[in-house]
Amino acid sequence: LVELNIDYRQTGVGGNNSWGALPLDKYILWPREYTYTFRLRPLDDPAQLPKLSQVKFQTPKK
């Protein structure tokens, strides 16, 4: 079994201390609709990785 979890963003893990303070407002993901896209491609040859990591894909128009 292979499980892959891809998150768009992650809210802050704590405020200015580690004793229960909330993250600062600029690091909170407020409730709203978030969308993003990603693409998975098979990697036949690990030597391709540097080249493939530079490929820019067009995002679909809505």
C-alpha atoms as a PDB file:
ATOM      1  CA  LEU A   1       0.000   0.000   0.000  1.00  0.00           C
ATOM      2  CA  VAL A   2       1.313   3.430  -0.959  1.00  0.00           C
ATOM      3  CA  GLU A   3      -0.389   6.509   0.475  1.00  0.00           C
ATOM      4  CA  LEU A   4       0.361   9.982  -0.850  1.00  0.00           C
ATOM      5  CA  ASN A   5      -0.916  13.097   0.933  1.00  0.00           C
ATOM      6  CA  ILE A   6      -0.401  16.402  -0.894  1.00  0.00           C
ATOM      7  CA  ASP A   7      -1.426  19.533   0.997  1.00  0.00           C
ATOM      8  CA  TYR A   8      -1.763  22.973  -0.550  1.00  0.00           C
ATOM      9  CA  ARG A   9      -0.763  24.790   2.623  1.00  0.00           C
ATOM     10  CA  GLN A  10      -0.497  24.264   6.343  1.00  0.00           C
ATOM     11  CA  THR A  11      -1.500  26.711   9.045  1.00  0.00           C
ATOM     12  CA  GLY A  12       1.100  27.751  11.612  1.00  0.00           C
ATOM     13  CA  VAL A  13       1.864  25.260  14.379  1.00  0.00           C
ATOM     14  CA  GLY A  14       1.952  27.746  17.245  1.00  0.00           C
ATOM     15  CA  GLY A  15       2.176  31.355  18.253  1.00  0.00           C
ATOM     16  CA  ASN A  16       5.056  33.126  19.920  1.00  0.00           C
ATOM     17  CA  ASN A  17       5.478  30.355  22.485  1.00  0.00           C
ATOM     18  CA  SER A  18       4.963  26.593  22.659  1.00  0.00           C
ATOM     19  CA  TRP A  19       2.350  26.632  25.456  1.00  0.00           C
ATOM     20  CA  GLY A  20      -0.906  26.774  23.523  1.00  0.00           C
ATOM     21  CA  ALA A  21      -0.768  30.206  21.879  1.00  0.00           C
ATOM     22  CA  LEU A  22      -2.542  30.413  18.509  1.00  0.00           C
ATOM     23  CA  PRO A  23      -0.534  31.157  15.348  1.00  0.00           C
ATOM     24  CA  LEU A  24      -0.189  34.810  14.377  1.00  0.00           C
ATOM     25  CA  ASP A  25      -3.020  36.018  12.106  1.00  0.00           C
ATOM     26  CA  LYS A  26      -0.758  36.157   9.032  1.00  0.00           C
ATOM     27  CA  TYR A  27      -0.077  32.385   9.401  1.00  0.00           C
ATOM     28  CA  ILE A  28      -3.680  31.214   9.917  1.00  0.00           C
ATOM     29  CA  LEU A  29      -5.558  29.603   7.026  1.00  0.00           C
ATOM     30  CA  TRP A  30      -8.958  31.212   7.441  1.00  0.00           C
ATOM     31  CA  PRO A  31     -12.059  29.266   6.318  1.00  0.00           C
ATOM     32  CA  ARG A  32     -12.609  29.811   2.587  1.00  0.00           C
ATOM     33  CA  GLU A  33     -12.379  27.741  -0.577  1.00  0.00           C
ATOM     34  CA  TYR A  34      -8.792  26.901  -1.546  1.00  0.00           C
ATOM     35  CA  THR A  35      -7.914  25.264  -4.867  1.00  0.00           C
ATOM     36  CA  TYR A  36      -4.688  24.089  -6.443  1.00  0.00           C
ATOM     37  CA  THR A  37      -3.510  21.638  -9.075  1.00  0.00           C
ATOM     38  CA  PHE A  38      -0.611  19.244  -9.342  1.00  0.00           C
ATOM     39  CA  ARG A  39       0.643  16.737 -11.871  1.00  0.00           C
ATOM     40  CA  LEU A  40       2.232  13.334 -11.285  1.00  0.00           C
ATOM     41  CA  ARG A  41       4.557  11.888 -13.904  1.00  0.00           C
ATOM     42  CA  PRO A  42       6.351   8.540 -13.903  1.00  0.00           C
ATOM     43  CA  LEU A  43      10.113   8.756 -13.524  1.00  0.00           C
ATOM     44  CA  ASP A  44      11.818   6.096 -15.633  1.00  0.00           C
ATOM     45  CA  ASP A  45      15.360   7.385 -15.159  1.00  0.00           C
ATOM     46  CA  PRO A  46      16.432   9.247 -11.970  1.00  0.00           C
ATOM     47  CA  ALA A  47      18.860  11.271 -14.123  1.00  0.00           C
ATOM     48  CA  GLN A  48      15.751  12.985 -15.632  1.00  0.00           C
ATOM     49  CA  LEU A  49      14.768  14.508 -12.292  1.00  0.00           C
ATOM     50  CA  PRO A  50      16.724  17.815 -12.557  1.00  0.00           C
ATOM     51  CA  LYS A  51      15.303  18.461 -16.041  1.00  0.00           C
ATOM     52  CA  LEU A  52      11.718  17.470 -15.115  1.00  0.00           C
ATOM     53  CA  SER A  53      11.779  19.626 -11.972  1.00  0.00           C
ATOM     54  CA  GLN A  54      12.228  22.738 -14.159  1.00  0.00           C
ATOM     55  CA  VAL A  55       9.243  22.070 -16.465  1.00  0.00           C
ATOM     56  CA  LYS A  56       6.542  24.780 -16.257  1.00  0.00           C
ATOM     57  CA  PHE A  57       2.999  23.572 -16.909  1.00  0.00           C
ATOM     58  CA  GLN A  58       0.083  25.722 -18.010  1.00  0.00           C
ATOM     59  CA  THR A  59      -2.717  25.897 -15.451  1.00  0.00           C
ATOM     60  CA  PRO A  60      -6.191  25.128 -16.806  1.00  0.00           C
ATOM     61  CA  LYS A  61      -8.405  28.163 -17.469  1.00  0.00           C
ATOM     62  CA  LYS A  62     -11.626  28.322 -15.465  1.00  0.00           C
END
